[in-house]
Amino acid sequence: MHKKLAFFSGIVTLGMMLVLIMGGTVTKTDSGDGCGTDWPLCHGKLIPTNPSVETMIEYSHRVVSGVEGLLIIALTIWTFIAVKHRVDVKIFAFLAFIFMLIQSIIGAGAVIWQQSDAILALHFGISLVSFASLLILTILLFEGERTHQSVSGQLKRHLYGLTLYTMIVVYTGAYVRHLGATYACVGWPVCSQNIWTFESYVQMGHRVMAGLLVMYTLYVLYLARTEANRLIERGMFASLFFISLQVGTGAWIVLGGHATYVPLLHAFLITCYFGIISYLAYHAYRTSNQHSTSSLDQVNG
């Protein structure tokens, strides 16, 4: 039964990835007002007639998000019924549901009340947390119960720090898009124009933070290799691959990658990166708990 649940969780995780990409398409094409200020209806109708391109993009995003929301609810209920003895599995199913709900509320608020760029930037990050929760849930369901190599306190702390810092970088990137600052800088990696605007500083700040994220990733990879922790090491190599490509697509956008698929690829890569880092951070946490439990059992024995 858990195998079927794991496959269903995997499908829901892929669905969340699709929601993220479609949300990026809405932002890139300025289709957020494609259905006017009506929600959940579109221009006052359940199914819009004679829709424009922007309306089709926004409406399709709403439909897919709605279906994904129902799938997450079904997954959460199934998980709570089928996996009664795994608290961690239930927690991640619940987190996926809660952050999906928050993301939906912010999305609806953006349509009805026309929220600020700072608030809209939270939308992508919250969806990212829901995706990471689904990914971790899927991995845990496929893994079953097994013991893992313990992770040192130093590596554990840096995995936590890397996860939190990634969220900050993701937020600044989302803020760049919603602020309309994507092309506020001339040149790459440093803004080379003589006159700087607020948008230019935001864009340059995001670049600096993204560069630091790459270096932080390299440092955590170094720690994992030093400890010879194979799972963390492999995960960090995969993370380095995704973050390197993500930086490359960021430069591509600035230097002339105006096609819609380029920023969508940019969002896809950071989603993969964050999913891996989040799993590794939780893996470090659970191995610490396993080690503490084993030590306590030995003392009691």
C-alpha atoms as a PDB file:
ATOM      1  CA  MET A   1       0.000   0.000   0.000  1.00  0.00           C
ATOM      2  CA  HIS A   2       2.872   2.354   0.791  1.00  0.00           C
ATOM      3  CA  LYS A   3       4.381   1.730  -2.640  1.00  0.00           C
ATOM      4  CA  LYS A   4       1.215   2.943  -4.337  1.00  0.00           C
ATOM      5  CA  LEU A   5       1.172   5.922  -1.999  1.00  0.00           C
ATOM      6  CA  ALA A   6       4.796   6.697  -2.859  1.00  0.00           C
ATOM      7  CA  PHE A   7       4.043   6.668  -6.597  1.00  0.00           C
ATOM      8  CA  PHE A   8       0.997   8.892  -6.072  1.00  0.00           C
ATOM      9  CA  SER A   9       3.125  11.269  -3.997  1.00  0.00           C
ATOM     10  CA  GLY A  10       5.654  11.376  -6.831  1.00  0.00           C
ATOM     11  CA  ILE A  11       2.936  12.314  -9.313  1.00  0.00           C
ATOM     12  CA  VAL A  12       1.682  15.077  -7.007  1.00  0.00           C
ATOM     13  CA  THR A  13       5.251  16.366  -6.638  1.00  0.00           C
ATOM     14  CA  LEU A  14       5.617  16.607 -10.415  1.00  0.00           C
ATOM     15  CA  GLY A  15       2.268  18.395 -10.490  1.00  0.00           C
ATOM     16  CA  MET A  16       3.597  20.968  -8.045  1.00  0.00           C
ATOM     17  CA  MET A  17       6.591  21.511 -10.301  1.00  0.00           C
ATOM     18  CA  LEU A  18       4.166  22.195 -13.154  1.00  0.00           C
ATOM     19  CA  VAL A  19       2.300  24.718 -10.979  1.00  0.00           C
ATOM     20  CA  LEU A  20       5.573  26.531 -10.259  1.00  0.00           C
ATOM     21  CA  ILE A  21       6.495  26.682 -13.947  1.00  0.00           C
ATOM     22  CA  MET A  22       3.024  27.883 -14.954  1.00  0.00           C
ATOM     23  CA  GLY A  23       3.156  30.522 -12.220  1.00  0.00           C
ATOM     24  CA  GLY A  24       6.463  31.688 -13.650  1.00  0.00           C
ATOM     25  CA  THR A  25       4.822  31.884 -17.069  1.00  0.00           C
ATOM     26  CA  VAL A  26       2.087  34.118 -15.645  1.00  0.00           C
ATOM     27  CA  THR A  27       4.702  36.467 -14.191  1.00  0.00           C
ATOM     28  CA  LYS A  28       6.917  36.470 -17.288  1.00  0.00           C
ATOM     29  CA  THR A  29       4.018  37.242 -19.655  1.00  0.00           C
ATOM     30  CA  ASP A  30       2.354  39.769 -17.315  1.00  0.00           C
ATOM     31  CA  SER A  31      -0.804  37.656 -17.340  1.00  0.00           C
ATOM     32  CA  GLY A  32      -1.677  38.125 -13.673  1.00  0.00           C
ATOM     33  CA  ASP A  33      -4.622  40.346 -14.647  1.00  0.00           C
ATOM     34  CA  GLY A  34      -5.763  37.967 -17.380  1.00  0.00           C
ATOM     35  CA  CYS A  35      -8.980  37.202 -15.512  1.00  0.00           C
ATOM     36  CA  GLY A  36      -9.491  40.717 -14.211  1.00  0.00           C
ATOM     37  CA  THR A  37     -10.127  41.091 -10.490  1.00  0.00           C
ATOM     38  CA  ASP A  38     -12.437  38.074 -10.271  1.00  0.00           C
ATOM     39  CA  TRP A  39     -11.458  34.966  -8.291  1.00  0.00           C
ATOM     40  CA  PRO A  40     -12.100  32.055  -8.533  1.00  0.00           C
ATOM     41  CA  LEU A  41     -14.208  33.066 -11.542  1.00  0.00           C
ATOM     42  CA  CYS A  42     -12.566  34.553 -14.628  1.00  0.00           C
ATOM     43  CA  HIS A  43     -14.175  37.770 -15.859  1.00  0.00           C
ATOM     44  CA  GLY A  44     -17.275  36.726 -13.912  1.00  0.00           C
ATOM     45  CA  LYS A  45     -17.545  33.331 -15.631  1.00  0.00           C
ATOM     46  CA  LEU A  46     -16.580  29.782 -14.704  1.00  0.00           C
ATOM     47  CA  ILE A  47     -15.154  29.251 -18.193  1.00  0.00           C
ATOM     48  CA  PRO A  48     -14.169  32.471 -20.031  1.00  0.00           C
ATOM     49  CA  THR A  49     -15.441  33.029 -23.572  1.00  0.00           C
ATOM     50  CA  ASN A  50     -13.297  34.511 -26.341  1.00  0.00           C
ATOM     51  CA  PRO A  51     -10.268  34.626 -24.025  1.00  0.00           C
ATOM     52  CA  SER A  52      -7.122  36.585 -24.826  1.00  0.00           C
ATOM     53  CA  VAL A  53      -3.691  34.933 -24.587  1.00  0.00           C
ATOM     54  CA  GLU A  54      -3.184  36.467 -21.130  1.00  0.00           C
ATOM     55  CA  THR A  55      -6.562  35.143 -19.996  1.00  0.00           C
ATOM     56  CA  MET A  56      -5.751  31.639 -21.238  1.00  0.00           C
ATOM     57  CA  ILE A  57      -2.411  31.661 -19.412  1.00  0.00           C
ATOM     58  CA  GLU A  58      -3.890  32.893 -16.120  1.00  0.00           C
ATOM     59  CA  TYR A  59      -6.958  30.654 -16.345  1.00  0.00           C
ATOM     60  CA  SER A  60      -4.950  27.505 -17.144  1.00  0.00           C
ATOM     61  CA  HIS A  61      -2.678  28.272 -14.187  1.00  0.00           C
ATOM     62  CA  ARG A  62      -5.713  28.513 -11.914  1.00  0.00           C
ATOM     63  CA  VAL A  63      -7.159  25.243 -13.206  1.00  0.00           C
ATOM     64  CA  VAL A  64      -3.902  23.315 -12.792  1.00  0.00           C
ATOM     65  CA  SER A  65      -3.344  24.859  -9.338  1.00  0.00           C
ATOM     66  CA  GLY A  66      -6.875  23.874  -8.318  1.00  0.00           C
ATOM     67  CA  VAL A  67      -6.417  20.286  -9.453  1.00  0.00           C
ATOM     68  CA  GLU A  68      -3.038  20.142  -7.712  1.00  0.00           C
ATOM     69  CA  GLY A  69      -4.629  21.437  -4.523  1.00  0.00           C
ATOM     70  CA  LEU A  70      -7.206  18.635  -4.587  1.00  0.00           C
ATOM     71  CA  LEU A  71      -4.459  16.069  -5.203  1.00  0.00           C
ATOM     72  CA  ILE A  72      -2.469  17.379  -2.225  1.00  0.00           C
ATOM     73  CA  ILE A  73      -5.555  17.129  -0.012  1.00  0.00           C
ATOM     74  CA  ALA A  74      -6.111  13.534  -1.177  1.00  0.00           C
ATOM     75  CA  LEU A  75      -2.420  12.730  -0.616  1.00  0.00           C
ATOM     76  CA  THR A  76      -2.499  14.195   2.897  1.00  0.00           C
ATOM     77  CA  ILE A  77      -5.596  12.196   3.881  1.00  0.00           C
ATOM     78  CA  TRP A  78      -4.198   8.981   2.366  1.00  0.00           C
ATOM     79  CA  THR A  79      -0.882   9.495   4.160  1.00  0.00           C
ATOM     80  CA  PHE A  80      -2.519  10.018   7.553  1.00  0.00           C
ATOM     81  CA  ILE A  81      -4.621   6.872   7.073  1.00  0.00           C
ATOM     82  CA  ALA A  82      -1.944   4.569   5.612  1.00  0.00           C
ATOM     83  CA  VAL A  83       1.186   5.606   7.519  1.00  0.00           C
ATOM     84  CA  LYS A  84       0.092   5.752  11.125  1.00  0.00           C
ATOM     85  CA  HIS A  85       3.476   5.097  12.790  1.00  0.00           C
ATOM     86  CA  ARG A  86       5.625   7.645  10.888  1.00  0.00           C
ATOM     87  CA  VAL A  87       5.246  11.091  12.407  1.00  0.00           C
ATOM     88  CA  ASP A  88       7.798  12.625  10.021  1.00  0.00           C
ATOM     89  CA  VAL A  89       5.871  11.452   6.963  1.00  0.00           C
ATOM     90  CA  LYS A  90       2.657  12.953   8.332  1.00  0.00           C
ATOM     91  CA  ILE A  91       4.406  16.236   9.094  1.00  0.00           C
ATOM     92  CA  PHE A  92       5.640  16.682   5.519  1.00  0.00           C
ATOM     93  CA  ALA A  93       2.232  15.774   4.094  1.00  0.00           C
ATOM     94  CA  PHE A  94       0.678  18.382   6.388  1.00  0.00           C
ATOM     95  CA  LEU A  95       3.311  20.997   5.457  1.00  0.00           C
ATOM     96  CA  ALA A  96       2.655  20.435   1.751  1.00  0.00           C
ATOM     97  CA  PHE A  97      -1.055  21.043   2.366  1.00  0.00           C
ATOM     98  CA  ILE A  98      -0.589  24.119   4.579  1.00  0.00           C
ATOM     99  CA  PHE A  99       1.857  25.878   2.256  1.00  0.00           C
ATOM    100  CA  MET A 100      -0.302  25.021  -0.754  1.00  0.00           C
ATOM    101  CA  LEU A 101      -3.205  26.678   1.058  1.00  0.00           C
ATOM    102  CA  ILE A 102      -1.157  29.782   1.931  1.00  0.00           C
ATOM    103  CA  GLN A 103       0.066  29.995  -1.662  1.00  0.00           C
ATOM    104  CA  SER A 104      -3.515  29.861  -2.924  1.00  0.00           C
ATOM    105  CA  ILE A 105      -4.601  32.614  -0.533  1.00  0.00           C
ATOM    106  CA  ILE A 106      -1.758  34.894  -1.633  1.00  0.00           C
ATOM    107  CA  GLY A 107      -2.557  34.152  -5.284  1.00  0.00           C
ATOM    108  CA  ALA A 108      -6.203  35.016  -4.777  1.00  0.00           C
ATOM    109  CA  GLY A 109      -5.260  38.147  -2.858  1.00  0.00           C
ATOM    110  CA  ALA A 110      -2.975  39.249  -5.673  1.00  0.00           C
ATOM    111  CA  VAL A 111      -5.908  39.129  -8.078  1.00  0.00           C
ATOM    112  CA  ILE A 112      -8.529  40.725  -5.839  1.00  0.00           C
ATOM    113  CA  TRP A 113      -6.499  43.341  -3.947  1.00  0.00           C
ATOM    114  CA  GLN A 114      -3.516  43.933  -6.283  1.00  0.00           C
ATOM    115  CA  GLN A 115      -0.846  43.373  -3.625  1.00  0.00           C
ATOM    116  CA  SER A 116       2.629  44.927  -3.542  1.00  0.00           C
ATOM    117  CA  ASP A 117       5.669  43.454  -5.292  1.00  0.00           C
ATOM    118  CA  ALA A 118       7.170  42.526  -1.905  1.00  0.00           C
ATOM    119  CA  ILE A 119       4.124  40.402  -1.040  1.00  0.00           C
ATOM    120  CA  LEU A 120       3.866  38.875  -4.504  1.00  0.00           C
ATOM    121  CA  ALA A 121       7.489  37.755  -4.249  1.00  0.00           C
ATOM    122  CA  LEU A 122       6.473  35.498  -1.360  1.00  0.00           C
ATOM    123  CA  HIS A 123       4.176  33.544  -3.670  1.00  0.00           C
ATOM    124  CA  PHE A 124       6.966  31.642  -5.439  1.00  0.00           C
ATOM    125  CA  GLY A 125       8.895  30.948  -2.228  1.00  0.00           C
ATOM    126  CA  ILE A 126       5.848  29.504  -0.470  1.00  0.00           C
ATOM    127  CA  SER A 127       5.109  27.290  -3.468  1.00  0.00           C
ATOM    128  CA  LEU A 128       8.735  26.179  -3.328  1.00  0.00           C
ATOM    129  CA  VAL A 129       8.351  25.073   0.298  1.00  0.00           C
ATOM    130  CA  SER A 130       5.251  23.075  -0.639  1.00  0.00           C
ATOM    131  CA  PHE A 131       7.201  21.423  -3.464  1.00  0.00           C
ATOM    132  CA  ALA A 132      10.130  20.589  -1.158  1.00  0.00           C
ATOM    133  CA  SER A 133       7.726  19.075   1.393  1.00  0.00           C
ATOM    134  CA  LEU A 134       6.192  16.879  -1.309  1.00  0.00           C
ATOM    135  CA  LEU A 135       9.622  15.835  -2.577  1.00  0.00           C
ATOM    136  CA  ILE A 136      10.824  14.865   0.907  1.00  0.00           C
ATOM    137  CA  LEU A 137       7.554  13.017   1.532  1.00  0.00           C
ATOM    138  CA  THR A 138       7.992  11.046  -1.689  1.00  0.00           C
ATOM    139  CA  ILE A 139      11.600  10.118  -0.862  1.00  0.00           C
ATOM    140  CA  LEU A 140      10.657   9.023   2.661  1.00  0.00           C
ATOM    141  CA  LEU A 141       7.842   6.844   1.332  1.00  0.00           C
ATOM    142  CA  PHE A 142      10.138   5.145  -1.176  1.00  0.00           C
ATOM    143  CA  GLU A 143      12.923   4.709   1.391  1.00  0.00           C
ATOM    144  CA  GLY A 144      10.848   3.077   4.084  1.00  0.00           C
ATOM    145  CA  GLU A 145      12.539   2.753   7.467  1.00  0.00           C
ATOM    146  CA  ARG A 146      16.315   2.416   7.441  1.00  0.00           C
ATOM    147  CA  THR A 147      19.310   3.736   9.308  1.00  0.00           C
ATOM    148  CA  HIS A 148      21.750   6.179   7.720  1.00  0.00           C
ATOM    149  CA  GLN A 149      25.282   7.377   8.266  1.00  0.00           C
ATOM    150  CA  SER A 150      25.331  10.048  10.960  1.00  0.00           C
ATOM    151  CA  VAL A 151      26.075  13.671  10.069  1.00  0.00           C
ATOM    152  CA  SER A 152      28.403  15.850  12.143  1.00  0.00           C
ATOM    153  CA  GLY A 153      27.091  18.899  13.973  1.00  0.00           C
ATOM    154  CA  GLN A 154      29.128  21.225  11.761  1.00  0.00           C
ATOM    155  CA  LEU A 155      27.793  19.800   8.504  1.00  0.00           C
ATOM    156  CA  LYS A 156      24.260  19.719   9.905  1.00  0.00           C
ATOM    157  CA  ARG A 157      24.382  23.412  10.886  1.00  0.00           C
ATOM    158  CA  HIS A 158      25.656  24.438   7.459  1.00  0.00           C
ATOM    159  CA  LEU A 159      22.959  22.422   5.692  1.00  0.00           C
ATOM    160  CA  TYR A 160      20.365  24.252   7.779  1.00  0.00           C
ATOM    161  CA  GLY A 161      22.049  27.561   7.012  1.00  0.00           C
ATOM    162  CA  LEU A 162      22.272  26.779   3.289  1.00  0.00           C
ATOM    163  CA  THR A 163      18.556  25.971   3.177  1.00  0.00           C
ATOM    164  CA  LEU A 164      17.577  29.210   4.907  1.00  0.00           C
ATOM    165  CA  TYR A 165      19.966  31.300   2.828  1.00  0.00           C
ATOM    166  CA  THR A 166      18.590  29.733  -0.358  1.00  0.00           C
ATOM    167  CA  MET A 167      15.123  30.900   0.648  1.00  0.00           C
ATOM    168  CA  ILE A 168      16.426  34.456   0.986  1.00  0.00           C
ATOM    169  CA  VAL A 169      18.094  34.317  -2.432  1.00  0.00           C
ATOM    170  CA  VAL A 170      14.932  32.875  -3.980  1.00  0.00           C
ATOM    171  CA  TYR A 171      12.907  35.722  -2.477  1.00  0.00           C
ATOM    172  CA  THR A 172      15.250  38.359  -3.917  1.00  0.00           C
ATOM    173  CA  GLY A 173      15.014  36.701  -7.328  1.00  0.00           C
ATOM    174  CA  ALA A 174      11.213  36.677  -7.172  1.00  0.00           C
ATOM    175  CA  TYR A 175      11.278  40.314  -6.068  1.00  0.00           C
ATOM    176  CA  VAL A 176      13.454  41.191  -9.091  1.00  0.00           C
ATOM    177  CA  ARG A 177      10.831  39.681 -11.407  1.00  0.00           C
ATOM    178  CA  HIS A 178       7.793  41.279  -9.766  1.00  0.00           C
ATOM    179  CA  LEU A 179       9.539  44.654  -9.491  1.00  0.00           C
ATOM    180  CA  GLY A 180      10.320  44.555 -13.211  1.00  0.00           C
ATOM    181  CA  ALA A 181      14.057  44.826 -12.495  1.00  0.00           C
ATOM    182  CA  THR A 182      15.180  41.923 -14.676  1.00  0.00           C
ATOM    183  CA  TYR A 183      16.856  44.236 -17.199  1.00  0.00           C
ATOM    184  CA  ALA A 184      17.669  47.076 -14.794  1.00  0.00           C
ATOM    185  CA  CYS A 185      21.403  46.384 -15.119  1.00  0.00           C
ATOM    186  CA  VAL A 186      23.497  46.710 -18.257  1.00  0.00           C
ATOM    187  CA  GLY A 187      26.134  43.997 -18.471  1.00  0.00           C
ATOM    188  CA  TRP A 188      26.957  40.937 -16.391  1.00  0.00           C
ATOM    189  CA  PRO A 189      28.178  40.044 -13.767  1.00  0.00           C
ATOM    190  CA  VAL A 190      28.498  43.707 -12.705  1.00  0.00           C
ATOM    191  CA  CYS A 191      26.116  46.513 -13.641  1.00  0.00           C
ATOM    192  CA  SER A 192      28.096  48.795 -15.948  1.00  0.00           C
ATOM    193  CA  GLN A 193      25.726  51.728 -16.463  1.00  0.00           C
ATOM    194  CA  ASN A 194      26.562  55.173 -15.075  1.00  0.00           C
ATOM    195  CA  ILE A 195      23.132  55.888 -13.595  1.00  0.00           C
ATOM    196  CA  TRP A 196      21.831  53.467 -10.987  1.00  0.00           C
ATOM    197  CA  THR A 197      18.167  53.174 -10.022  1.00  0.00           C
ATOM    198  CA  PHE A 198      16.489  51.353  -7.143  1.00  0.00           C
ATOM    199  CA  GLU A 199      15.790  48.491  -9.558  1.00  0.00           C
ATOM    200  CA  SER A 200      19.492  48.345 -10.460  1.00  0.00           C
ATOM    201  CA  TYR A 201      20.496  47.970  -6.811  1.00  0.00           C
ATOM    202  CA  VAL A 202      17.914  45.218  -6.322  1.00  0.00           C
ATOM    203  CA  GLN A 203      19.179  43.385  -9.406  1.00  0.00           C
ATOM    204  CA  MET A 204      22.826  43.713  -8.382  1.00  0.00           C
ATOM    205  CA  GLY A 205      22.045  42.661  -4.823  1.00  0.00           C
ATOM    206  CA  HIS A 206      20.429  39.497  -6.118  1.00  0.00           C
ATOM    207  CA  ARG A 207      23.482  38.736  -8.259  1.00  0.00           C
ATOM    208  CA  VAL A 208      25.846  39.122  -5.301  1.00  0.00           C
ATOM    209  CA  MET A 209      23.687  36.886  -3.131  1.00  0.00           C
ATOM    210  CA  ALA A 210      23.452  34.271  -5.890  1.00  0.00           C
ATOM    211  CA  GLY A 211      27.244  34.282  -6.220  1.00  0.00           C
ATOM    212  CA  LEU A 212      27.600  33.768  -2.465  1.00  0.00           C
ATOM    213  CA  LEU A 213      25.113  30.891  -2.697  1.00  0.00           C
ATOM    214  CA  VAL A 214      27.373  29.123  -5.198  1.00  0.00           C
ATOM    215  CA  MET A 215      30.367  29.548  -2.895  1.00  0.00           C
ATOM    216  CA  TYR A 216      28.379  28.358   0.108  1.00  0.00           C
ATOM    217  CA  THR A 217      27.314  25.288  -1.882  1.00  0.00           C
ATOM    218  CA  LEU A 218      30.957  24.540  -2.680  1.00  0.00           C
ATOM    219  CA  TYR A 219      31.895  24.867   0.985  1.00  0.00           C
ATOM    220  CA  VAL A 220      29.171  22.464   2.149  1.00  0.00           C
ATOM    221  CA  LEU A 221      30.255  20.028  -0.570  1.00  0.00           C
ATOM    222  CA  TYR A 222      33.809  20.287   0.783  1.00  0.00           C
ATOM    223  CA  LEU A 223      32.567  19.464   4.299  1.00  0.00           C
ATOM    224  CA  ALA A 224      30.626  16.460   3.009  1.00  0.00           C
ATOM    225  CA  ARG A 225      33.718  15.147   1.182  1.00  0.00           C
ATOM    226  CA  THR A 226      35.822  15.673   4.295  1.00  0.00           C
ATOM    227  CA  GLU A 227      33.401  13.563   6.310  1.00  0.00           C
ATOM    228  CA  ALA A 228      33.140  10.997   3.495  1.00  0.00           C
ATOM    229  CA  ASN A 229      29.356  11.151   3.799  1.00  0.00           C
ATOM    230  CA  ARG A 230      28.374   9.606   0.486  1.00  0.00           C
ATOM    231  CA  LEU A 231      24.690  10.543   0.477  1.00  0.00           C
ATOM    232  CA  ILE A 232      25.316  14.189   1.395  1.00  0.00           C
ATOM    233  CA  GLU A 233      28.251  14.342  -1.023  1.00  0.00           C
ATOM    234  CA  ARG A 234      26.210  13.040  -3.957  1.00  0.00           C
ATOM    235  CA  GLY A 235      23.372  15.380  -3.087  1.00  0.00           C
ATOM    236  CA  MET A 236      25.716  18.364  -2.919  1.00  0.00           C
ATOM    237  CA  PHE A 237      27.270  17.494  -6.284  1.00  0.00           C
ATOM    238  CA  ALA A 238      23.765  17.440  -7.787  1.00  0.00           C
ATOM    239  CA  SER A 239      23.022  20.752  -6.052  1.00  0.00           C
ATOM    240  CA  LEU A 240      26.193  22.304  -7.454  1.00  0.00           C
ATOM    241  CA  PHE A 241      25.168  21.173 -10.934  1.00  0.00           C
ATOM    242  CA  PHE A 242      21.738  22.802 -10.658  1.00  0.00           C
ATOM    243  CA  ILE A 243      22.922  26.039  -9.057  1.00  0.00           C
ATOM    244  CA  SER A 244      25.681  26.438 -11.670  1.00  0.00           C
ATOM    245  CA  LEU A 245      23.163  26.090 -14.483  1.00  0.00           C
ATOM    246  CA  GLN A 246      20.799  28.410 -12.641  1.00  0.00           C
ATOM    247  CA  VAL A 247      23.444  31.144 -12.482  1.00  0.00           C
ATOM    248  CA  GLY A 248      24.179  30.525 -16.159  1.00  0.00           C
ATOM    249  CA  THR A 249      20.547  30.973 -17.151  1.00  0.00           C
ATOM    250  CA  GLY A 250      20.418  34.146 -15.035  1.00  0.00           C
ATOM    251  CA  ALA A 251      23.294  35.569 -17.064  1.00  0.00           C
ATOM    252  CA  TRP A 252      21.604  34.352 -20.253  1.00  0.00           C
ATOM    253  CA  ILE A 253      18.442  36.292 -19.377  1.00  0.00           C
ATOM    254  CA  VAL A 254      20.365  39.520 -18.776  1.00  0.00           C
ATOM    255  CA  LEU A 255      22.546  39.164 -21.869  1.00  0.00           C
ATOM    256  CA  GLY A 256      19.690  38.594 -24.294  1.00  0.00           C
ATOM    257  CA  GLY A 257      17.684  35.504 -23.351  1.00  0.00           C
ATOM    258  CA  HIS A 258      14.311  37.178 -23.841  1.00  0.00           C
ATOM    259  CA  ALA A 259      12.457  33.990 -24.829  1.00  0.00           C
ATOM    260  CA  THR A 260       9.850  32.916 -22.289  1.00  0.00           C
ATOM    261  CA  TYR A 261      11.413  29.480 -21.758  1.00  0.00           C
ATOM    262  CA  VAL A 262      14.694  30.948 -20.427  1.00  0.00           C
ATOM    263  CA  PRO A 263      13.322  32.436 -17.159  1.00  0.00           C
ATOM    264  CA  LEU A 264      11.135  29.342 -16.777  1.00  0.00           C
ATOM    265  CA  LEU A 265      14.260  27.189 -16.992  1.00  0.00           C
ATOM    266  CA  HIS A 266      15.820  29.530 -14.443  1.00  0.00           C
ATOM    267  CA  ALA A 267      12.925  28.873 -12.035  1.00  0.00           C
ATOM    268  CA  PHE A 268      12.977  25.123 -12.745  1.00  0.00           C
ATOM    269  CA  LEU A 269      16.661  24.832 -11.847  1.00  0.00           C
ATOM    270  CA  ILE A 270      16.358  26.678  -8.524  1.00  0.00           C
ATOM    271  CA  THR A 271      13.340  24.511  -7.683  1.00  0.00           C
ATOM    272  CA  CYS A 272      15.417  21.352  -8.208  1.00  0.00           C
ATOM    273  CA  TYR A 273      18.267  22.845  -6.192  1.00  0.00           C
ATOM    274  CA  PHE A 274      16.059  23.823  -3.258  1.00  0.00           C
ATOM    275  CA  GLY A 275      14.348  20.437  -3.229  1.00  0.00           C
ATOM    276  CA  ILE A 276      17.669  18.610  -2.925  1.00  0.00           C
ATOM    277  CA  ILE A 277      19.064  20.970  -0.275  1.00  0.00           C
ATOM    278  CA  SER A 278      15.859  20.708   1.777  1.00  0.00           C
ATOM    279  CA  TYR A 279      16.008  16.910   1.719  1.00  0.00           C
ATOM    280  CA  LEU A 280      19.667  16.902   2.760  1.00  0.00           C
ATOM    281  CA  ALA A 281      18.913  19.272   5.638  1.00  0.00           C
ATOM    282  CA  TYR A 282      16.136  17.008   6.891  1.00  0.00           C
ATOM    283  CA  HIS A 283      18.351  13.954   6.375  1.00  0.00           C
ATOM    284  CA  ALA A 284      20.982  15.555   8.624  1.00  0.00           C
ATOM    285  CA  TYR A 285      18.309  16.254  11.241  1.00  0.00           C
ATOM    286  CA  ARG A 286      16.880  12.731  11.280  1.00  0.00           C
ATOM    287  CA  THR A 287      20.290  11.020  11.455  1.00  0.00           C
ATOM    288  CA  SER A 288      21.097  13.124  14.504  1.00  0.00           C
ATOM    289  CA  ASN A 289      17.866  11.922  16.102  1.00  0.00           C
ATOM    290  CA  GLN A 290      18.621   8.305  15.169  1.00  0.00           C
ATOM    291  CA  HIS A 291      22.080   8.610  16.713  1.00  0.00           C
ATOM    292  CA  SER A 292      20.652  10.112  19.924  1.00  0.00           C
ATOM    293  CA  THR A 293      18.011   7.363  20.147  1.00  0.00           C
ATOM    294  CA  SER A 294      20.616   4.631  19.616  1.00  0.00           C
ATOM    295  CA  SER A 295      22.840   6.140  22.335  1.00  0.00           C
ATOM    296  CA  LEU A 296      19.890   6.328  24.737  1.00  0.00           C
ATOM    297  CA  ASP A 297      18.988   2.691  24.036  1.00  0.00           C
ATOM    298  CA  GLN A 298      22.567   1.645  24.805  1.00  0.00           C
ATOM    299  CA  VAL A 299      22.492   3.532  28.127  1.00  0.00           C
ATOM    300  CA  ASN A 300      19.141   2.005  29.090  1.00  0.00           C
ATOM    301  CA  GLY A 301      20.394  -1.407  28.047  1.00  0.00           C
END
